[in-house]
């Protein structure tokens, strides 16, 4: 298959992007990495009248640390996130999540903003961003708005982005410097989307009590699910305490999970329980290594 006819535009700057989206609305598509959009156009799942190429805009490609806040541009490639010393030092969870995204060749083209805009179920980067309390910045001719990634993604392939908006950047508060993180997933093959995945950031006091915890899971959940109840249950407890298994089970039991003929609901729920337990065990091991 080949895509339907479309007009290709290289905007001069971000103002031009906003103007094009204001003019064409849902008839326009934004081209970033193209790893998902181009196949969708070839199969005519989407048939934009106007294709706006963001790759000519260097202002959307950046990684910047500003005190305790990390800023990443929407056009930043997965490979850049993977290789960034700044991200490795401040938010290693994001680096570890990106290492599960497809294969290195794809990561050289795929972008942070593109992954968020698509909101594919089982995608690793949005899950890590939800766990990290990240916010997404969107821009249009009406101005700039910022919203938590957890609110931005409403479900699988469904976001709150309006037709005249484009994703400009993502920002997140850096977890405590002494914290440890883990990203665990189960997939059919390396590089496939996750069947079940868990993202965890955790810090402890010298006596082993959990002082900071952020946890999220994805897999049959539509959008990534932040586990606020689990965080509340474990904060102040000793890492490795006997009640962890029960808290994990209760957290996963409280999530609505959709099954399918390949991965029934009970199987996905079992896997989510498993990856979350493995993430906690991994963090406990890393804490013990320090």
Protein backbone atom coordinates (compact mmCIF):
# COMPACT_ATOMS: atom_id res chain seq x y z
CA UNK A 1 0.00 0.00 0.00
CA UNK A 2 0.98 3.60 -0.53
CA UNK A 3 -0.31 6.68 1.27
CA UNK A 4 -3.02 8.88 -0.15
CA UNK A 5 -1.88 12.15 -1.71
CA UNK A 6 -0.87 14.84 0.78
CA UNK A 7 0.87 18.20 0.93
CA UNK A 8 4.31 18.13 2.54
CA UNK A 9 5.36 21.22 4.53
CA UNK A 10 8.63 22.14 6.24
CA UNK A 11 7.76 24.91 8.73
CA UNK A 12 10.26 27.71 9.26
CA UNK A 13 9.83 27.72 13.04
CA UNK A 14 7.48 26.75 15.85
CA UNK A 15 5.19 29.70 15.17
CA UNK A 16 4.67 28.29 11.69
CA UNK A 17 3.80 24.87 13.15
CA UNK A 18 1.16 26.43 15.39
CA UNK A 19 -0.24 28.44 12.48
CA UNK A 20 -0.45 25.37 10.23
CA UNK A 21 -2.27 23.38 12.90
CA UNK A 22 -4.65 26.28 13.54
CA UNK A 23 -5.41 26.41 9.81
CA UNK A 24 -5.73 22.70 9.03
CA UNK A 25 -6.69 21.12 12.38
CA UNK A 26 -7.44 17.41 12.10
CA UNK A 27 -6.47 17.42 8.41
CA UNK A 28 -2.81 17.87 9.41
CA UNK A 29 -0.38 15.33 10.86
CA UNK A 30 2.97 16.03 12.47
CA UNK A 31 5.97 14.02 11.28
CA UNK A 32 8.65 13.41 13.93
CA UNK A 33 10.40 10.03 13.84
CA UNK A 34 7.77 8.56 11.54
CA UNK A 35 8.24 5.05 12.95
CA UNK A 36 4.50 4.71 13.56
CA UNK A 37 2.99 7.44 11.39
CA UNK A 38 4.55 6.38 8.08
CA UNK A 39 3.29 2.76 8.27
CA UNK A 40 -0.13 4.05 9.32
CA UNK A 41 -0.16 6.32 6.27
CA UNK A 42 0.97 3.50 3.99
CA UNK A 43 -1.94 1.35 5.16
CA UNK A 44 -4.23 4.41 5.05
CA UNK A 45 -5.15 4.09 8.69
CA UNK A 46 -4.58 7.84 8.63
CA UNK A 47 -4.69 10.01 5.49
CA UNK A 48 -3.64 13.57 6.32
CA UNK A 49 -4.16 16.32 3.78
CA UNK A 50 -1.07 18.09 5.14
CA UNK A 51 2.08 16.54 6.57
CA UNK A 52 4.08 18.94 8.74
CA UNK A 53 7.72 17.86 9.12
CA UNK A 54 9.09 18.79 12.56
CA UNK A 55 12.57 17.44 11.82
CA UNK A 56 13.72 20.83 10.53
CA UNK A 57 13.18 22.44 13.96
CA UNK A 58 16.21 22.11 16.27
CA UNK A 59 14.36 24.01 19.02
CA UNK A 60 12.39 20.83 19.76
CA UNK A 61 15.46 18.65 20.24
CA UNK A 62 17.11 19.15 23.64
CA UNK A 63 17.91 17.62 27.02
CA UNK A 64 18.39 20.18 29.78
CA UNK A 65 18.72 19.97 33.53
CA UNK A 66 17.53 23.04 35.43
CA UNK A 67 18.22 22.53 39.12
CA UNK A 68 15.90 19.77 40.25
CA UNK A 69 13.92 19.72 36.99
CA UNK A 70 14.71 17.82 33.79
CA UNK A 71 13.43 19.17 30.44
CA UNK A 72 13.37 17.05 27.26
CA UNK A 73 12.27 18.33 23.86
CA UNK A 74 9.56 16.49 21.92
CA UNK A 75 11.87 15.83 18.95
CA UNK A 76 14.56 14.22 21.13
CA UNK A 77 15.33 10.75 19.75
CA UNK A 78 15.05 7.65 21.91
CA UNK A 79 18.73 6.98 21.24
CA UNK A 80 19.61 10.42 22.59
CA UNK A 81 17.65 9.70 25.77
CA UNK A 82 19.40 6.35 26.04
CA UNK A 83 22.87 7.87 25.63
CA UNK A 84 22.40 11.08 27.62
CA UNK A 85 24.73 11.40 30.61
CA UNK A 86 22.34 13.97 32.10
CA UNK A 87 19.41 11.55 32.00
CA UNK A 88 21.55 8.67 33.28
CA UNK A 89 22.53 10.77 36.28
CA UNK A 90 19.17 12.35 37.09
CA UNK A 91 16.45 9.93 35.82
CA UNK A 92 17.97 6.53 35.02
CA UNK A 93 14.48 4.99 35.02
CA UNK A 94 13.74 6.82 31.76
CA UNK A 95 16.98 5.56 30.20
CA UNK A 96 16.21 1.99 31.27
CA UNK A 97 12.68 2.20 29.87
CA UNK A 98 13.91 3.48 26.51
CA UNK A 99 16.31 0.54 26.21
CA UNK A 100 13.20 -1.65 25.87
CA UNK A 101 11.82 0.41 22.97
CA UNK A 102 12.02 -1.62 19.75
CA UNK A 103 15.63 -1.87 18.51
CA UNK A 104 18.52 0.57 18.32
CA UNK A 105 17.84 1.38 14.65
CA UNK A 106 14.29 2.41 15.50
CA UNK A 107 15.48 4.36 18.55
CA UNK A 108 17.69 6.48 16.28
CA UNK A 109 14.52 7.81 14.60
CA UNK A 110 11.68 7.48 17.12
CA UNK A 111 11.06 10.48 19.36
CA UNK A 112 9.80 11.18 22.85
CA UNK A 113 6.99 13.40 21.61
CA UNK A 114 5.90 10.91 18.97
CA UNK A 115 5.56 8.14 21.52
CA UNK A 116 3.44 10.35 23.76
CA UNK A 117 1.26 11.57 20.91
CA UNK A 118 0.51 8.00 19.78
CA UNK A 119 -0.04 6.66 23.33
CA UNK A 120 0.23 3.07 22.18
CA UNK A 121 -0.77 0.53 24.87
CA UNK A 122 2.32 -1.18 26.28
CA UNK A 123 4.70 1.59 25.19
CA UNK A 124 7.55 1.87 27.66
CA UNK A 125 8.39 5.58 27.66
CA UNK A 126 4.92 6.84 28.66
CA UNK A 127 4.91 4.35 31.54
CA UNK A 128 8.22 5.67 32.87
CA UNK A 129 7.01 9.26 32.51
CA UNK A 130 3.85 8.51 34.49
CA UNK A 131 5.94 6.96 37.26
CA UNK A 132 8.18 10.04 37.27
CA UNK A 133 5.25 12.49 37.64
CA UNK A 134 6.24 14.05 34.32
CA UNK A 135 4.31 16.87 32.70
CA UNK A 136 3.84 17.49 28.98
CA UNK A 137 3.94 20.98 27.49
CA UNK A 138 1.61 21.62 24.53
CA UNK A 139 1.60 24.72 22.34
CA UNK A 140 -0.85 26.28 19.90
CA UNK A 141 -1.72 29.75 18.65
CA UNK A 142 -3.88 30.00 21.79
CA UNK A 143 -0.82 29.70 24.01
CA UNK A 144 0.95 27.06 26.07
CA UNK A 145 -0.63 24.58 28.46
CA UNK A 146 0.98 22.02 30.72
CA UNK A 147 -0.66 18.85 31.97
CA UNK A 148 0.54 15.70 33.78
CA UNK A 149 1.35 12.83 31.44
CA UNK A 150 -0.97 10.68 33.56
CA UNK A 151 -3.86 12.99 32.59
CA UNK A 152 -2.66 13.56 29.02
CA UNK A 153 -2.98 9.86 28.13
CA UNK A 154 -6.64 8.91 28.51
CA UNK A 155 -6.31 5.40 27.13
CA UNK A 156 -4.79 3.37 24.34
CA UNK A 157 -4.22 5.65 21.30
CA UNK A 158 -6.20 8.38 23.06
CA UNK A 159 -4.81 11.63 24.46
CA UNK A 160 -6.09 15.07 25.39
CA UNK A 161 -4.06 16.78 22.65
CA UNK A 162 -6.30 19.07 20.62
CA UNK A 163 -6.08 19.24 16.84
CA UNK A 164 -4.38 22.65 16.89
CA UNK A 165 -1.75 21.67 19.49
CA UNK A 166 1.69 20.13 19.23
CA UNK A 167 3.82 18.62 21.98
CA UNK A 168 6.76 20.86 22.70
CA UNK A 169 8.51 19.20 25.63
CA UNK A 170 8.29 17.04 28.72
CA UNK A 171 9.51 18.06 32.16
CA UNK A 172 9.85 16.21 35.44
CA UNK A 173 11.20 16.75 38.92
CA UNK A 174 14.38 14.78 39.47
CA UNK A 175 14.01 11.99 42.08
CA UNK A 176 16.29 12.08 45.13
CA UNK A 177 19.93 11.56 44.21
CA UNK A 178 20.19 8.52 46.49
CA UNK A 179 17.12 6.82 45.00
CA UNK A 180 17.25 3.68 42.88
CA UNK A 181 14.94 2.66 40.06
CA UNK A 182 13.93 -0.39 38.08
CA UNK A 183 12.05 -1.03 34.86
CA UNK A 184 10.88 -4.61 34.33
CA UNK A 185 8.80 -5.86 31.42
CA UNK A 186 7.58 -9.09 29.85
CA UNK A 187 7.23 -9.18 26.07
CA UNK A 188 7.03 -11.92 23.45
CA UNK A 189 10.37 -10.91 21.96
CA UNK A 190 12.94 -8.27 22.71
CA UNK A 191 11.79 -5.06 21.07
CA UNK A 192 8.07 -5.89 21.15
CA UNK A 193 5.61 -3.79 23.11
CA UNK A 194 5.22 -4.92 26.70
CA UNK A 195 2.62 -7.50 27.67
CA UNK A 196 3.17 -6.30 31.22
CA UNK A 197 5.63 -3.76 32.61
CA UNK A 198 6.44 -2.02 35.88
CA UNK A 199 8.35 1.21 36.54
CA UNK A 200 9.59 1.95 40.05
CA UNK A 201 11.65 4.65 41.78
CA UNK A 202 12.43 4.24 45.47
CA UNK A 203 14.61 5.75 48.19
CA UNK A 204 15.19 4.62 51.75
CA UNK A 205 16.46 6.03 55.04
CA UNK A 206 19.59 4.50 56.62
CA UNK A 207 17.39 2.18 58.69
CA UNK A 208 15.76 0.77 55.53
CA UNK A 209 12.45 2.64 55.77
CA UNK A 210 11.03 3.77 52.44
CA UNK A 211 11.07 7.57 52.27
CA UNK A 212 10.24 8.06 48.58
CA UNK A 213 8.39 5.77 46.18
CA UNK A 214 6.82 6.16 42.75
CA UNK A 215 5.32 3.15 40.99
CA UNK A 216 3.35 2.56 37.80
CA UNK A 217 2.38 -0.39 35.60
CA UNK A 218 1.11 -0.98 32.07
CA UNK A 219 -0.23 -3.96 30.19
CA UNK A 220 -3.90 -4.46 29.42
CA UNK A 221 -4.58 -1.21 31.26
CA UNK A 222 -5.05 1.11 28.27
CA UNK A 223 -3.14 4.02 29.78
CA UNK A 224 -0.24 3.52 32.21
CA UNK A 225 -1.53 3.26 35.77
CA UNK A 226 0.11 5.09 38.67
CA UNK A 227 -0.15 3.01 41.86
CA UNK A 228 -0.79 5.71 44.46
CA UNK A 229 -2.32 3.20 46.86
CA UNK A 230 0.77 1.01 46.80
CA UNK A 231 2.99 4.04 47.33
CA UNK A 232 0.97 5.07 50.38
CA UNK A 233 1.00 1.53 51.76
CA UNK A 234 4.77 1.11 51.47
CA UNK A 235 6.03 4.58 52.40
CA UNK A 236 7.48 4.49 55.89
CA UNK A 237 7.75 0.71 55.80
CA UNK A 238 11.00 -1.22 55.72
CA UNK A 239 12.09 -2.33 52.26
CA UNK A 240 11.61 -6.09 52.05
CA UNK A 241 8.93 -6.23 54.73
CA UNK A 242 6.50 -9.14 54.80
CA UNK A 243 3.52 -6.99 53.80
CA UNK A 244 4.94 -6.04 50.38
CA UNK A 245 3.42 -9.04 48.58
CA UNK A 246 -0.03 -8.30 49.99
CA UNK A 247 0.26 -4.59 49.11
CA UNK A 248 1.27 -5.43 45.55
CA UNK A 249 -1.56 -7.91 45.14
CA UNK A 250 -4.07 -5.37 46.46
CA UNK A 251 -2.75 -2.68 44.12
CA UNK A 252 -2.97 -4.90 41.04
CA UNK A 253 -6.40 -6.24 42.04
CA UNK A 254 -7.63 -2.65 42.09
CA UNK A 255 -6.75 -2.02 38.43
CA UNK A 256 -9.18 -2.53 35.58
CA UNK A 257 -7.48 -4.85 33.08
CA UNK A 258 -8.70 -5.88 29.64
CA UNK A 259 -7.92 -9.36 28.42
CA UNK A 260 -7.90 -10.71 24.88
CA UNK A 261 -7.69 -14.17 23.24
CA UNK A 262 -3.89 -14.11 23.46
CA UNK A 263 -3.53 -12.67 26.96
CA UNK A 264 -6.59 -13.23 29.17
CA UNK A 265 -7.29 -10.80 31.99
CA UNK A 266 -6.18 -13.23 34.72
CA UNK A 267 -2.89 -13.88 32.93
CA UNK A 268 -2.12 -10.19 32.51
CA UNK A 269 -2.98 -9.57 36.17
CA UNK A 270 -0.58 -12.34 37.19
CA UNK A 271 2.18 -10.85 35.01
CA UNK A 272 1.64 -7.35 36.41
CA UNK A 273 1.97 -8.75 39.92
CA UNK A 274 5.14 -10.54 38.86
CA UNK A 275 6.90 -7.59 37.18
CA UNK A 276 6.08 -5.32 40.11
CA UNK A 277 7.52 -7.81 42.61
CA UNK A 278 10.62 -8.16 40.44
CA UNK A 279 11.02 -4.39 40.28
CA UNK A 280 10.88 -4.12 44.06
CA UNK A 281 13.39 -6.95 44.45
CA UNK A 282 15.67 -5.31 41.88
CA UNK A 283 15.57 -1.97 43.72
CA UNK A 284 16.22 -3.72 47.04
CA UNK A 285 19.28 -5.36 45.54
CA UNK A 286 20.56 -2.06 44.18
CA UNK A 287 20.02 -0.35 47.51
CA UNK A 288 22.04 -3.08 49.13
CA UNK A 289 24.89 -2.52 46.68
CA UNK A 290 25.35 1.11 47.78
